Amino acid sequence: MKEFRAHIQTAPLGVLFAWFTGVYFIGTYGFALLDGTGRLTLVTALIRFVTAALFGGAMTALVARQRRRDGGVETTAQIATALKTGSVPKGADASLWVPALEGRRRQNERAQWMNPIVFGVFTALGVWLAVQDPTAVAPWIFVAFFVAIAVFSIVAAKRLVRKIDVLLAQVDSTPVTHNSAVDSGEIRG
């Protein structure tokens, strides 16, 4: 699984678009089968594919934006690895790493208060659907799923904020080396 995640992090945007589109298409069709509305006619297949392509395009645009902000795909992959391992690689450029890590920190701080609201609304919707048809199993699966995701996302966001603080301290304590002739004083005017 680690190799798969590493491949996805460094994959070309076209591969990511196909991945996001395929997962969304298969996931929505699987849910429709679970819900009992899974007849796949040409029209429903076309609608599902168009919505999957829109979702895939939006997710790919988000990944491309994040990669640009981080300074490229290699830096994005290095930051993801650093978040997993808890250590910044040697020679990390503070001008790229500090803004990227601070952005992720802000994102996770927002997630700590926003995720309970978002997933609470989805949980309430699942309860409402379950009350409408008490014999249906799918709404209760949704309720359990969204409660679990809400709890997991809050715990994960708090852990990531702590990890990011450690990484920021490491980046700040990394000595800056100057290799140019101007910095060493060899050029005289």
N, C-alpha and C. Protein backbone atom coordinates (compact mmCIF):
# COMPACT_ATOMS: atom_id res chain seq x y z
N MET A 1 0.81 -1.19 0.00
CA MET A 1 0.00 0.00 0.00
C MET A 1 0.86 1.26 0.00
N LYS A 2 2.01 1.21 0.72
CA LYS A 2 2.89 2.37 0.76
C LYS A 2 3.44 2.68 -0.62
N GLU A 3 3.78 1.65 -1.38
CA GLU A 3 4.29 1.85 -2.73
C GLU A 3 3.23 2.47 -3.62
N PHE A 4 1.97 2.03 -3.45
CA PHE A 4 0.88 2.58 -4.24
C PHE A 4 0.69 4.06 -3.93
N ARG A 5 0.70 4.44 -2.65
CA ARG A 5 0.54 5.84 -2.28
C ARG A 5 1.70 6.67 -2.81
N ALA A 6 2.91 6.14 -2.75
CA ALA A 6 4.08 6.86 -3.27
C ALA A 6 3.94 7.06 -4.77
N HIS A 7 3.43 6.05 -5.47
CA HIS A 7 3.23 6.17 -6.91
C HIS A 7 2.17 7.22 -7.24
N ILE A 8 1.09 7.22 -6.48
CA ILE A 8 0.01 8.20 -6.71
C ILE A 8 0.53 9.62 -6.46
N GLN A 9 1.38 9.81 -5.44
CA GLN A 9 1.89 11.14 -5.13
C GLN A 9 2.77 11.69 -6.25
N THR A 10 3.47 10.82 -6.96
CA THR A 10 4.37 11.29 -8.01
C THR A 10 3.83 11.02 -9.41
N ALA A 11 2.60 10.53 -9.51
CA ALA A 11 2.03 10.18 -10.82
C ALA A 11 1.77 11.43 -11.65
N PRO A 12 1.84 11.29 -12.98
CA PRO A 12 1.47 12.41 -13.85
C PRO A 12 -0.01 12.77 -13.65
N LEU A 13 -0.35 14.01 -13.97
CA LEU A 13 -1.72 14.48 -13.74
C LEU A 13 -2.75 13.70 -14.56
N GLY A 14 -2.38 13.23 -15.74
CA GLY A 14 -3.31 12.44 -16.56
C GLY A 14 -3.67 11.12 -15.88
N VAL A 15 -2.68 10.51 -15.26
CA VAL A 15 -2.93 9.26 -14.52
C VAL A 15 -3.82 9.54 -13.32
N LEU A 16 -3.57 10.65 -12.63
CA LEU A 16 -4.41 11.01 -11.49
C LEU A 16 -5.85 11.28 -11.91
N PHE A 17 -6.02 11.95 -13.06
CA PHE A 17 -7.37 12.20 -13.56
C PHE A 17 -8.10 10.88 -13.82
N ALA A 18 -7.43 9.95 -14.47
CA ALA A 18 -8.05 8.65 -14.75
C ALA A 18 -8.36 7.91 -13.45
N TRP A 19 -7.47 7.99 -12.47
CA TRP A 19 -7.67 7.32 -11.18
C TRP A 19 -8.89 7.90 -10.46
N PHE A 20 -8.93 9.23 -10.32
CA PHE A 20 -10.04 9.87 -9.62
C PHE A 20 -11.37 9.60 -10.32
N THR A 21 -11.37 9.69 -11.65
CA THR A 21 -12.59 9.46 -12.42
C THR A 21 -13.06 8.01 -12.25
N GLY A 22 -12.15 7.07 -12.37
CA GLY A 22 -12.52 5.66 -12.24
C GLY A 22 -13.02 5.31 -10.86
N VAL A 23 -12.34 5.80 -9.83
CA VAL A 23 -12.77 5.51 -8.46
C VAL A 23 -14.16 6.10 -8.20
N TYR A 24 -14.38 7.31 -8.67
CA TYR A 24 -15.70 7.94 -8.45
C TYR A 24 -16.79 7.17 -9.20
N PHE A 25 -16.52 6.80 -10.43
CA PHE A 25 -17.51 6.06 -11.23
C PHE A 25 -17.85 4.73 -10.59
N ILE A 26 -16.82 3.97 -10.24
CA ILE A 26 -17.03 2.65 -9.63
C ILE A 26 -17.68 2.79 -8.25
N GLY A 27 -17.25 3.78 -7.48
CA GLY A 27 -17.82 3.99 -6.15
C GLY A 27 -19.29 4.35 -6.19
N THR A 28 -19.67 5.26 -7.08
CA THR A 28 -21.08 5.65 -7.16
C THR A 28 -21.93 4.51 -7.71
N TYR A 29 -21.38 3.76 -8.64
CA TYR A 29 -22.14 2.63 -9.17
C TYR A 29 -22.28 1.54 -8.10
N GLY A 30 -21.22 1.33 -7.32
CA GLY A 30 -21.30 0.36 -6.22
C GLY A 30 -22.32 0.76 -5.19
N PHE A 31 -22.38 2.05 -4.87
CA PHE A 31 -23.40 2.52 -3.92
C PHE A 31 -24.79 2.34 -4.51
N ALA A 32 -24.95 2.60 -5.79
CA ALA A 32 -26.26 2.41 -6.43
C ALA A 32 -26.68 0.94 -6.37
N LEU A 33 -25.73 0.04 -6.53
CA LEU A 33 -26.05 -1.39 -6.40
C LEU A 33 -26.47 -1.72 -4.96
N LEU A 34 -25.78 -1.14 -4.00
CA LEU A 34 -26.12 -1.35 -2.59
C LEU A 34 -27.49 -0.78 -2.26
N ASP A 35 -27.78 0.36 -2.85
CA ASP A 35 -29.06 1.03 -2.60
C ASP A 35 -30.22 0.38 -3.34
N GLY A 36 -29.92 -0.40 -4.36
CA GLY A 36 -30.98 -1.06 -5.14
C GLY A 36 -31.36 -0.32 -6.41
N THR A 37 -30.69 0.79 -6.70
CA THR A 37 -30.99 1.55 -7.91
C THR A 37 -29.87 1.41 -8.92
N GLY A 38 -29.22 0.27 -8.95
CA GLY A 38 -28.01 0.09 -9.74
C GLY A 38 -28.19 -0.35 -11.17
N ARG A 39 -29.35 -0.12 -11.76
CA ARG A 39 -29.48 -0.45 -13.18
C ARG A 39 -28.61 0.50 -13.97
N LEU A 40 -27.78 -0.05 -14.82
CA LEU A 40 -26.86 0.78 -15.59
C LEU A 40 -27.33 0.81 -17.03
N THR A 41 -28.11 1.82 -17.35
CA THR A 41 -28.53 2.02 -18.73
C THR A 41 -27.54 2.97 -19.39
N LEU A 42 -27.71 3.18 -20.66
CA LEU A 42 -26.80 4.07 -21.38
C LEU A 42 -26.87 5.49 -20.83
N VAL A 43 -28.06 5.96 -20.54
CA VAL A 43 -28.22 7.33 -20.03
C VAL A 43 -27.60 7.47 -18.64
N THR A 44 -27.90 6.53 -17.75
CA THR A 44 -27.33 6.63 -16.40
C THR A 44 -25.81 6.45 -16.43
N ALA A 45 -25.32 5.59 -17.31
CA ALA A 45 -23.87 5.42 -17.44
C ALA A 45 -23.23 6.71 -17.93
N LEU A 46 -23.86 7.38 -18.88
CA LEU A 46 -23.33 8.64 -19.39
C LEU A 46 -23.35 9.71 -18.31
N ILE A 47 -24.43 9.79 -17.56
CA ILE A 47 -24.51 10.78 -16.48
C ILE A 47 -23.45 10.49 -15.42
N ARG A 48 -23.32 9.21 -15.04
CA ARG A 48 -22.30 8.85 -14.06
C ARG A 48 -20.89 9.17 -14.57
N PHE A 49 -20.64 8.92 -15.85
CA PHE A 49 -19.32 9.18 -16.39
C PHE A 49 -19.03 10.68 -16.42
N VAL A 50 -20.00 11.49 -16.82
CA VAL A 50 -19.79 12.94 -16.87
C VAL A 50 -19.52 13.48 -15.47
N THR A 51 -20.32 13.06 -14.48
CA THR A 51 -20.07 13.53 -13.11
C THR A 51 -18.74 13.02 -12.59
N ALA A 52 -18.37 11.79 -12.95
CA ALA A 52 -17.07 11.25 -12.54
C ALA A 52 -15.94 12.05 -13.18
N ALA A 53 -16.10 12.43 -14.45
CA ALA A 53 -15.07 13.22 -15.12
C ALA A 53 -14.95 14.61 -14.50
N LEU A 54 -16.09 15.20 -14.11
CA LEU A 54 -16.04 16.50 -13.43
C LEU A 54 -15.33 16.38 -12.08
N PHE A 55 -15.66 15.32 -11.34
CA PHE A 55 -14.99 15.09 -10.06
C PHE A 55 -13.50 14.86 -10.27
N GLY A 56 -13.16 14.02 -11.25
CA GLY A 56 -11.75 13.75 -11.54
C GLY A 56 -11.00 15.00 -11.95
N GLY A 57 -11.63 15.85 -12.73
CA GLY A 57 -11.00 17.10 -13.13
C GLY A 57 -10.78 18.04 -11.96
N ALA A 58 -11.77 18.14 -11.08
CA ALA A 58 -11.65 19.01 -9.91
C ALA A 58 -10.55 18.51 -8.97
N MET A 59 -10.50 17.22 -8.72
CA MET A 59 -9.47 16.67 -7.84
C MET A 59 -8.07 16.81 -8.45
N THR A 60 -7.98 16.60 -9.75
CA THR A 60 -6.69 16.75 -10.43
C THR A 60 -6.23 18.20 -10.38
N ALA A 61 -7.16 19.14 -10.53
CA ALA A 61 -6.82 20.57 -10.43
C ALA A 61 -6.31 20.90 -9.02
N LEU A 62 -6.93 20.32 -8.00
CA LEU A 62 -6.46 20.55 -6.63
C LEU A 62 -5.05 20.01 -6.42
N VAL A 63 -4.78 18.82 -6.96
CA VAL A 63 -3.45 18.23 -6.83
C VAL A 63 -2.42 19.08 -7.58
N ALA A 64 -2.77 19.53 -8.78
CA ALA A 64 -1.85 20.36 -9.57
C ALA A 64 -1.55 21.67 -8.84
N ARG A 65 -2.57 22.26 -8.25
CA ARG A 65 -2.38 23.50 -7.49
C ARG A 65 -1.46 23.28 -6.30
N GLN A 66 -1.68 22.18 -5.57
CA GLN A 66 -0.84 21.88 -4.42
C GLN A 66 0.61 21.64 -4.85
N ARG A 67 0.79 20.92 -5.94
CA ARG A 67 2.16 20.67 -6.43
C ARG A 67 2.85 21.96 -6.82
N ARG A 68 2.13 22.89 -7.48
CA ARG A 68 2.71 24.17 -7.85
C ARG A 68 3.10 24.96 -6.61
N ARG A 69 2.24 24.98 -5.61
CA ARG A 69 2.52 25.73 -4.39
C ARG A 69 3.73 25.16 -3.65
N ASP A 70 3.89 23.84 -3.71
CA ASP A 70 4.99 23.20 -2.99
C ASP A 70 6.32 23.28 -3.74
N GLY A 71 6.31 23.71 -4.97
CA GLY A 71 7.55 23.81 -5.72
C GLY A 71 7.84 22.62 -6.61
N GLY A 72 6.84 21.82 -6.90
CA GLY A 72 7.01 20.69 -7.81
C GLY A 72 6.63 19.37 -7.17
N VAL A 73 6.55 18.36 -8.02
CA VAL A 73 6.10 17.04 -7.57
C VAL A 73 7.10 16.41 -6.60
N GLU A 74 8.40 16.65 -6.81
CA GLU A 74 9.40 16.06 -5.92
C GLU A 74 9.28 16.62 -4.51
N THR A 75 9.12 17.93 -4.41
CA THR A 75 8.99 18.56 -3.10
C THR A 75 7.71 18.11 -2.41
N THR A 76 6.63 17.99 -3.16
CA THR A 76 5.37 17.51 -2.59
C THR A 76 5.54 16.11 -2.03
N ALA A 77 6.21 15.25 -2.78
CA ALA A 77 6.44 13.88 -2.30
C ALA A 77 7.37 13.88 -1.08
N GLN A 78 8.38 14.74 -1.07
CA GLN A 78 9.28 14.81 0.07
C GLN A 78 8.54 15.30 1.32
N ILE A 79 7.64 16.27 1.15
CA ILE A 79 6.88 16.77 2.29
C ILE A 79 5.95 15.69 2.83
N ALA A 80 5.31 14.95 1.94
CA ALA A 80 4.44 13.85 2.38
C ALA A 80 5.25 12.79 3.12
N THR A 81 6.44 12.49 2.63
CA THR A 81 7.30 11.52 3.31
C THR A 81 7.74 12.06 4.67
N ALA A 82 8.08 13.33 4.73
CA ALA A 82 8.50 13.93 5.99
C ALA A 82 7.37 13.91 7.02
N LEU A 83 6.15 14.11 6.56
CA LEU A 83 5.00 14.05 7.48
C LEU A 83 4.81 12.65 8.03
N LYS A 84 5.16 11.64 7.24
CA LYS A 84 5.04 10.25 7.72
C LYS A 84 6.19 9.87 8.64
N THR A 85 7.41 10.28 8.26
CA THR A 85 8.59 9.87 9.03
C THR A 85 8.88 10.78 10.21
N GLY A 86 8.46 12.05 10.12
CA GLY A 86 8.73 12.98 11.21
C GLY A 86 10.07 13.67 11.13
N SER A 87 10.74 13.58 9.97
CA SER A 87 12.03 14.25 9.84
C SER A 87 12.16 14.89 8.46
N VAL A 88 12.76 16.05 8.46
CA VAL A 88 12.98 16.80 7.22
C VAL A 88 14.26 16.29 6.57
N PRO A 89 14.25 16.07 5.25
CA PRO A 89 15.48 15.60 4.59
C PRO A 89 16.57 16.68 4.61
N LYS A 90 17.80 16.24 4.53
CA LYS A 90 18.91 17.18 4.50
C LYS A 90 18.83 18.01 3.23
N GLY A 91 19.16 19.25 3.36
CA GLY A 91 19.16 20.15 2.22
C GLY A 91 17.79 20.66 1.83
N ALA A 92 16.82 20.55 2.73
CA ALA A 92 15.48 21.05 2.43
C ALA A 92 15.51 22.57 2.33
N ASP A 93 14.95 23.09 1.28
CA ASP A 93 14.92 24.53 1.04
C ASP A 93 13.84 25.16 1.90
N ALA A 94 14.26 25.95 2.88
CA ALA A 94 13.31 26.56 3.82
C ALA A 94 12.33 27.48 3.11
N SER A 95 12.73 28.10 2.00
CA SER A 95 11.83 29.01 1.30
C SER A 95 10.66 28.26 0.66
N LEU A 96 10.82 26.96 0.40
CA LEU A 96 9.72 26.14 -0.10
C LEU A 96 9.00 25.41 1.03
N TRP A 97 9.77 24.89 1.96
CA TRP A 97 9.20 24.02 2.99
C TRP A 97 8.37 24.79 4.01
N VAL A 98 8.83 25.94 4.46
CA VAL A 98 8.10 26.68 5.50
C VAL A 98 6.71 27.08 5.02
N PRO A 99 6.55 27.71 3.84
CA PRO A 99 5.19 28.05 3.41
C PRO A 99 4.31 26.81 3.19
N ALA A 100 4.91 25.74 2.65
CA ALA A 100 4.12 24.53 2.40
C ALA A 100 3.65 23.91 3.72
N LEU A 101 4.54 23.84 4.69
CA LEU A 101 4.16 23.26 5.98
C LEU A 101 3.19 24.15 6.73
N GLU A 102 3.39 25.47 6.66
CA GLU A 102 2.46 26.37 7.33
C GLU A 102 1.07 26.31 6.70
N GLY A 103 1.01 26.15 5.38
CA GLY A 103 -0.28 25.98 4.71
C GLY A 103 -0.98 24.71 5.15
N ARG A 104 -0.23 23.63 5.26
CA ARG A 104 -0.82 22.37 5.73
C ARG A 104 -1.26 22.48 7.19
N ARG A 105 -0.50 23.24 7.97
CA ARG A 105 -0.87 23.44 9.38
C ARG A 105 -2.20 24.19 9.47
N ARG A 106 -2.33 25.28 8.72
CA ARG A 106 -3.59 26.04 8.72
C ARG A 106 -4.76 25.17 8.27
N GLN A 107 -4.52 24.36 7.24
CA GLN A 107 -5.56 23.47 6.73
C GLN A 107 -6.02 22.48 7.80
N ASN A 108 -5.08 21.92 8.54
CA ASN A 108 -5.44 20.96 9.58
C ASN A 108 -6.05 21.63 10.80
N GLU A 109 -5.67 22.86 11.09
CA GLU A 109 -6.33 23.59 12.18
C GLU A 109 -7.79 23.87 11.82
N ARG A 110 -8.03 24.23 10.56
CA ARG A 110 -9.42 24.44 10.12
C ARG A 110 -10.21 23.14 10.17
N ALA A 111 -9.56 22.04 9.82
CA ALA A 111 -10.25 20.74 9.81
C ALA A 111 -10.71 20.33 11.20
N GLN A 112 -10.01 20.79 12.23
CA GLN A 112 -10.39 20.41 13.58
C GLN A 112 -11.76 20.94 13.99
N TRP A 113 -12.16 22.10 13.47
CA TRP A 113 -13.48 22.61 13.80
C TRP A 113 -14.48 22.44 12.66
N MET A 114 -13.99 22.37 11.43
CA MET A 114 -14.90 22.29 10.29
C MET A 114 -15.39 20.87 10.03
N ASN A 115 -14.55 19.87 10.20
CA ASN A 115 -14.96 18.49 9.93
C ASN A 115 -16.12 18.02 10.81
N PRO A 116 -16.15 18.35 12.11
CA PRO A 116 -17.32 17.93 12.89
C PRO A 116 -18.63 18.54 12.36
N ILE A 117 -18.55 19.77 11.86
CA ILE A 117 -19.75 20.40 11.31
C ILE A 117 -20.19 19.70 10.03
N VAL A 118 -19.25 19.52 9.10
CA VAL A 118 -19.57 18.91 7.81
C VAL A 118 -20.07 17.47 7.98
N PHE A 119 -19.31 16.67 8.73
CA PHE A 119 -19.71 15.28 8.90
C PHE A 119 -20.91 15.15 9.83
N GLY A 120 -21.12 16.13 10.71
CA GLY A 120 -22.33 16.14 11.52
C GLY A 120 -23.57 16.34 10.67
N VAL A 121 -23.47 17.21 9.66
CA VAL A 121 -24.60 17.42 8.74
C VAL A 121 -24.88 16.14 7.96
N PHE A 122 -23.83 15.48 7.46
CA PHE A 122 -24.03 14.23 6.73
C PHE A 122 -24.59 13.13 7.64
N THR A 123 -24.15 13.11 8.90
CA THR A 123 -24.69 12.13 9.84
C THR A 123 -26.17 12.40 10.09
N ALA A 124 -26.54 13.67 10.26
CA ALA A 124 -27.95 14.03 10.45
C ALA A 124 -28.78 13.64 9.23
N LEU A 125 -28.22 13.84 8.04
CA LEU A 125 -28.92 13.43 6.82
C LEU A 125 -29.11 11.92 6.80
N GLY A 126 -28.09 11.17 7.20
CA GLY A 126 -28.22 9.71 7.26
C GLY A 126 -29.27 9.27 8.25
N VAL A 127 -29.34 9.93 9.41
CA VAL A 127 -30.37 9.61 10.40
C VAL A 127 -31.75 9.93 9.84
N TRP A 128 -31.87 11.08 9.17
CA TRP A 128 -33.15 11.45 8.58
C TRP A 128 -33.58 10.41 7.53
N LEU A 129 -32.65 9.98 6.69
CA LEU A 129 -32.97 8.95 5.70
C LEU A 129 -33.35 7.63 6.36
N ALA A 130 -32.67 7.29 7.44
CA ALA A 130 -32.97 6.04 8.15
C ALA A 130 -34.36 6.10 8.79
N VAL A 131 -34.75 7.27 9.28
CA VAL A 131 -36.08 7.42 9.88
C VAL A 131 -37.16 7.33 8.80
N GLN A 132 -36.86 7.79 7.60
CA GLN A 132 -37.83 7.74 6.51
C GLN A 132 -38.15 6.30 6.11
N ASP A 133 -37.14 5.45 6.12
CA ASP A 133 -37.32 4.03 5.78
C ASP A 133 -36.54 3.19 6.79
N PRO A 134 -37.18 2.83 7.92
CA PRO A 134 -36.47 2.11 8.99
C PRO A 134 -35.93 0.74 8.58
N THR A 135 -36.44 0.16 7.51
CA THR A 135 -35.95 -1.16 7.09
C THR A 135 -34.70 -1.08 6.23
N ALA A 136 -34.36 0.12 5.76
CA ALA A 136 -33.19 0.28 4.88
C ALA A 136 -31.90 0.17 5.70
N VAL A 137 -30.94 -0.50 5.14
CA VAL A 137 -29.65 -0.69 5.81
C VAL A 137 -28.66 0.40 5.41
N ALA A 138 -28.73 0.86 4.18
CA ALA A 138 -27.75 1.82 3.65
C ALA A 138 -27.66 3.10 4.48
N PRO A 139 -28.78 3.71 4.92
CA PRO A 139 -28.63 4.94 5.72
C PRO A 139 -27.87 4.71 7.03
N TRP A 140 -28.06 3.56 7.66
CA TRP A 140 -27.33 3.29 8.91
C TRP A 140 -25.85 3.07 8.63
N ILE A 141 -25.55 2.51 7.47
CA ILE A 141 -24.14 2.37 7.09
C ILE A 141 -23.53 3.76 6.90
N PHE A 142 -24.30 4.66 6.28
CA PHE A 142 -23.84 6.04 6.12
C PHE A 142 -23.60 6.71 7.47
N VAL A 143 -24.53 6.55 8.38
CA VAL A 143 -24.40 7.17 9.70
C VAL A 143 -23.12 6.68 10.38
N ALA A 144 -22.91 5.38 10.40
CA ALA A 144 -21.71 4.83 11.03
C ALA A 144 -20.45 5.32 10.32
N PHE A 145 -20.48 5.36 9.00
CA PHE A 145 -19.33 5.80 8.22
C PHE A 145 -18.98 7.25 8.53
N PHE A 146 -19.97 8.13 8.53
CA PHE A 146 -19.69 9.55 8.75
C PHE A 146 -19.28 9.85 10.18
N VAL A 147 -19.82 9.13 11.15
CA VAL A 147 -19.37 9.32 12.53
C VAL A 147 -17.92 8.87 12.65
N ALA A 148 -17.58 7.73 12.06
CA ALA A 148 -16.20 7.23 12.11
C ALA A 148 -15.25 8.20 11.41
N ILE A 149 -15.65 8.70 10.25
CA ILE A 149 -14.80 9.65 9.52
C ILE A 149 -14.61 10.94 10.32
N ALA A 150 -15.66 11.42 10.97
CA ALA A 150 -15.56 12.64 11.77
C ALA A 150 -14.55 12.46 12.90
N VAL A 151 -14.66 11.37 13.63
CA VAL A 151 -13.74 11.12 14.74
C VAL A 151 -12.32 10.95 14.23
N PHE A 152 -12.14 10.14 13.18
CA PHE A 152 -10.82 9.90 12.62
C PHE A 152 -10.19 11.20 12.11
N SER A 153 -10.97 12.02 11.42
CA SER A 153 -10.40 13.24 10.83
C SER A 153 -9.97 14.24 11.91
N ILE A 154 -10.70 14.30 13.01
CA ILE A 154 -10.31 15.21 14.09
C ILE A 154 -9.01 14.74 14.73
N VAL A 155 -8.93 13.45 15.03
CA VAL A 155 -7.71 12.90 15.64
C VAL A 155 -6.53 13.04 14.69
N ALA A 156 -6.74 12.74 13.42
CA ALA A 156 -5.65 12.83 12.43
C ALA A 156 -5.19 14.28 12.26
N ALA A 157 -6.12 15.23 12.25
CA ALA A 157 -5.75 16.63 12.10
C ALA A 157 -4.92 17.11 13.28
N LYS A 158 -5.29 16.71 14.50
CA LYS A 158 -4.50 17.11 15.67
C LYS A 158 -3.10 16.51 15.62
N ARG A 159 -3.00 15.24 15.22
CA ARG A 159 -1.69 14.60 15.10
C ARG A 159 -0.83 15.30 14.05
N LEU A 160 -1.44 15.65 12.91
CA LEU A 160 -0.68 16.30 11.84
C LEU A 160 -0.20 17.68 12.26
N VAL A 161 -0.99 18.42 13.01
CA VAL A 161 -0.55 19.73 13.49
C VAL A 161 0.69 19.57 14.36
N ARG A 162 0.67 18.58 15.25
CA ARG A 162 1.85 18.35 16.10
C ARG A 162 3.06 17.95 15.25
N LYS A 163 2.86 17.07 14.27
CA LYS A 163 3.97 16.66 13.40
C LYS A 163 4.51 17.84 12.60
N ILE A 164 3.62 18.67 12.10
CA ILE A 164 4.05 19.83 11.31
C ILE A 164 4.84 20.79 12.18
N ASP A 165 4.45 20.98 13.43
CA ASP A 165 5.21 21.85 14.33
C ASP A 165 6.64 21.32 14.51
N VAL A 166 6.78 20.00 14.64
CA VAL A 166 8.11 19.39 14.77
C VAL A 166 8.92 19.63 13.49
N LEU A 167 8.27 19.44 12.33
CA LEU A 167 8.98 19.64 11.06
C LEU A 167 9.38 21.10 10.87
N LEU A 168 8.50 22.02 11.25
CA LEU A 168 8.85 23.45 11.14
C LEU A 168 10.04 23.79 12.03
N ALA A 169 10.09 23.21 13.21
CA ALA A 169 11.24 23.45 14.09
C ALA A 169 12.51 22.89 13.47
N GLN A 170 12.41 21.75 12.80
CA GLN A 170 13.58 21.16 12.14
C GLN A 170 14.04 22.03 10.98
N VAL A 171 13.09 22.56 10.21
CA VAL A 171 13.47 23.41 9.07
C VAL A 171 14.10 24.69 9.58
N ASP A 172 13.57 25.26 10.66
CA ASP A 172 14.14 26.49 11.21
C ASP A 172 15.52 26.28 11.80
N SER A 173 15.79 25.08 12.31
CA SER A 173 17.09 24.83 12.92
C SER A 173 18.13 24.34 11.91
N THR A 174 17.71 24.11 10.66
CA THR A 174 18.65 23.66 9.64
C THR A 174 19.56 24.83 9.27
N PRO A 175 20.88 24.63 9.37
CA PRO A 175 21.79 25.73 9.02
C PRO A 175 21.73 26.02 7.53
N VAL A 176 21.75 27.29 7.21
CA VAL A 176 21.73 27.72 5.82
C VAL A 176 23.16 27.78 5.31
N THR A 177 23.42 27.12 4.20
CA THR A 177 24.76 27.15 3.61
C THR A 177 24.71 28.04 2.39
N HIS A 178 25.69 28.87 2.28
CA HIS A 178 25.79 29.78 1.13
C HIS A 178 26.97 29.33 0.29
N ASN A 179 26.70 29.05 -0.96
CA ASN A 179 27.76 28.53 -1.83
C ASN A 179 28.19 29.52 -2.89
N SER A 180 27.57 30.65 -2.95
CA SER A 180 27.93 31.57 -4.03
C SER A 180 29.19 32.35 -3.67
N ALA A 181 29.82 32.85 -4.66
CA ALA A 181 31.05 33.62 -4.46
C ALA A 181 30.76 34.94 -3.75
N VAL A 182 29.58 35.51 -3.97
CA VAL A 182 29.22 36.76 -3.32
C VAL A 182 29.12 36.55 -1.80
N ASP A 183 28.51 35.44 -1.40
CA ASP A 183 28.36 35.18 0.03
C ASP A 183 29.68 34.88 0.70
N SER A 184 30.61 34.32 -0.01
CA SER A 184 31.89 33.98 0.61
C SER A 184 32.87 35.16 0.59
N GLY A 185 32.51 36.22 -0.09
CA GLY A 185 33.34 37.42 -0.11
C GLY A 185 34.46 37.37 -1.13
N GLU A 186 34.40 36.47 -2.10
CA GLU A 186 35.47 36.34 -3.07
C GLU A 186 35.37 37.37 -4.18
N ILE A 187 34.20 37.90 -4.41
CA ILE A 187 34.05 38.90 -5.47
C ILE A 187 34.28 40.28 -4.87
N ARG A 188 35.18 41.01 -5.48
CA ARG A 188 35.48 42.35 -4.98
C ARG A 188 35.14 43.36 -6.06
N GLY A 189 34.61 44.47 -5.61
CA GLY A 189 34.17 45.48 -6.57
C GLY A 189 35.08 46.60 -6.75
